[in-house]
């Protein structure tokens, strides 16, 4: 499985043609305590860069953008009851949604973990 990051601090884990999307450790630390998450519905078509989800914290509300284009196959149901999972495991069980990639070549424009770590260090 390969993980890619955007400059907006979303990540996507790719396994075959399925991508699992969430926000980075850095992003959740900037948001603070997360109190609500709205994930996209199954079947929703997303284009790279589309607003895909909403996350609300005690500090602010923020959009989560799709790092790649595709069709949503699942929203994370655990986030409805336990939005704090995003704080506890932002790059694990706190994922937002899964989608079928429609254009795997879009991954070429994203950062790998090493490039993302260097990007965050400069912020």
Protein backbone atom coordinates (compact mmCIF):
# COMPACT_ATOMS: atom_id res chain seq x y z
CA UNK A 1 0.00 0.00 0.00
CA UNK A 2 1.27 3.47 -0.87
CA UNK A 3 0.43 6.70 0.95
CA UNK A 4 0.33 10.11 -0.73
CA UNK A 5 -0.26 13.61 0.68
CA UNK A 6 -1.63 16.93 -0.59
CA UNK A 7 -0.51 20.44 0.33
CA UNK A 8 -3.92 20.79 2.05
CA UNK A 9 -2.89 17.99 4.45
CA UNK A 10 -5.12 15.21 3.15
CA UNK A 11 -3.65 11.75 2.68
CA UNK A 12 -4.71 8.84 0.50
CA UNK A 13 -3.64 5.22 0.99
CA UNK A 14 -3.81 3.35 -2.30
CA UNK A 15 -4.36 -0.39 -2.49
CA UNK A 16 -5.01 -1.47 -6.08
CA UNK A 17 -7.68 0.93 -7.38
CA UNK A 18 -9.09 1.75 -3.92
CA UNK A 19 -8.06 4.90 -2.07
CA UNK A 20 -8.69 5.54 1.63
CA UNK A 21 -8.69 9.28 2.46
CA UNK A 22 -8.11 11.16 5.70
CA UNK A 23 -6.32 14.18 7.14
CA UNK A 24 -2.76 14.23 8.39
CA UNK A 25 -1.48 14.33 11.95
CA UNK A 26 -0.43 17.92 11.27
CA UNK A 27 -3.93 18.91 10.11
CA UNK A 28 -5.70 17.45 13.13
CA UNK A 29 -3.19 19.11 15.48
CA UNK A 30 -4.01 22.49 13.90
CA UNK A 31 -7.77 21.91 14.24
CA UNK A 32 -7.78 20.89 17.89
CA UNK A 33 -10.55 18.76 19.42
CA UNK A 34 -12.80 17.50 16.63
CA UNK A 35 -16.50 17.47 17.52
CA UNK A 36 -18.23 16.68 14.19
CA UNK A 37 -17.38 15.05 10.87
CA UNK A 38 -19.57 14.92 7.76
CA UNK A 39 -18.37 12.31 5.26
CA UNK A 40 -19.53 11.89 1.64
CA UNK A 41 -22.25 9.39 0.77
CA UNK A 42 -21.62 6.17 -1.09
CA UNK A 43 -21.87 6.67 -4.83
CA UNK A 44 -20.82 10.32 -4.81
CA UNK A 45 -18.56 11.20 -7.74
CA UNK A 46 -15.58 13.33 -6.75
CA UNK A 47 -13.07 15.17 -8.89
CA UNK A 48 -9.59 15.81 -7.53
CA UNK A 49 -9.78 18.96 -5.39
CA UNK A 50 -13.55 18.75 -4.76
CA UNK A 51 -14.89 19.45 -1.28
CA UNK A 52 -15.55 15.93 -0.05
CA UNK A 53 -16.11 16.15 3.71
CA UNK A 54 -16.44 18.67 6.53
CA UNK A 55 -14.67 18.52 9.87
CA UNK A 56 -15.63 20.77 12.78
CA UNK A 57 -13.50 21.35 15.83
CA UNK A 58 -13.74 23.55 18.87
CA UNK A 59 -11.59 26.04 16.91
CA UNK A 60 -13.05 26.01 13.38
CA UNK A 61 -14.87 24.20 10.60
CA UNK A 62 -12.79 23.05 7.67
CA UNK A 63 -13.40 21.37 4.34
CA UNK A 64 -11.62 18.17 3.43
CA UNK A 65 -10.78 17.96 -0.27
CA UNK A 66 -10.52 14.82 -2.34
CA UNK A 67 -6.86 14.21 -3.22
CA UNK A 68 -7.89 12.14 -6.27
CA UNK A 69 -10.89 11.66 -8.54
CA UNK A 70 -13.22 8.71 -8.09
CA UNK A 71 -16.47 7.28 -6.79
CA UNK A 72 -17.05 7.06 -3.03
CA UNK A 73 -17.60 3.46 -1.96
CA UNK A 74 -17.77 4.06 1.80
CA UNK A 75 -17.82 6.83 4.38
CA UNK A 76 -16.31 6.00 7.78
CA UNK A 77 -19.40 5.21 9.90
CA UNK A 78 -17.40 5.35 13.16
CA UNK A 79 -16.90 9.11 12.79
CA UNK A 80 -20.64 9.79 13.23
CA UNK A 81 -20.57 8.46 16.79
CA UNK A 82 -16.92 9.17 17.59
CA UNK A 83 -15.55 12.17 15.64
CA UNK A 84 -12.64 12.30 18.10
CA UNK A 85 -11.16 9.28 16.30
CA UNK A 86 -9.71 11.84 13.90
CA UNK A 87 -7.70 13.30 16.81
CA UNK A 88 -6.72 9.90 18.19
CA UNK A 89 -5.77 8.19 14.92
CA UNK A 90 -5.87 10.71 12.05
CA UNK A 91 -3.75 8.50 9.82
CA UNK A 92 -5.44 5.23 10.91
CA UNK A 93 -8.98 4.53 12.17
CA UNK A 94 -9.87 8.23 11.78
CA UNK A 95 -10.04 7.95 7.97
CA UNK A 96 -12.91 9.81 6.25
CA UNK A 97 -13.89 7.86 3.13
CA UNK A 98 -12.87 5.26 0.57
CA UNK A 99 -13.20 5.66 -3.17
CA UNK A 100 -12.48 3.83 -6.40
CA UNK A 101 -9.81 5.78 -8.28
CA UNK A 102 -10.90 6.94 -11.72
CA UNK A 103 -7.49 8.32 -12.75
CA UNK A 104 -4.51 6.72 -10.94
CA UNK A 105 -2.13 9.07 -12.83
CA UNK A 106 -3.34 11.87 -10.51
CA UNK A 107 -1.21 10.28 -7.77
CA UNK A 108 1.89 11.51 -9.60
CA UNK A 109 1.12 15.10 -8.54
CA UNK A 110 0.95 14.21 -4.81
CA UNK A 111 3.77 14.01 -2.25
CA UNK A 112 5.10 10.83 -0.71
CA UNK A 113 5.66 10.65 3.06
CA UNK A 114 9.24 11.97 2.88
CA UNK A 115 8.29 14.95 0.69
CA UNK A 116 5.29 15.71 2.91
CA UNK A 117 7.42 15.64 6.07
CA UNK A 118 9.80 18.15 4.44
CA UNK A 119 6.80 20.29 3.38
CA UNK A 120 5.40 20.38 6.95
CA UNK A 121 8.81 21.28 8.42
CA UNK A 122 8.76 24.49 6.36
CA UNK A 123 5.37 25.61 7.72
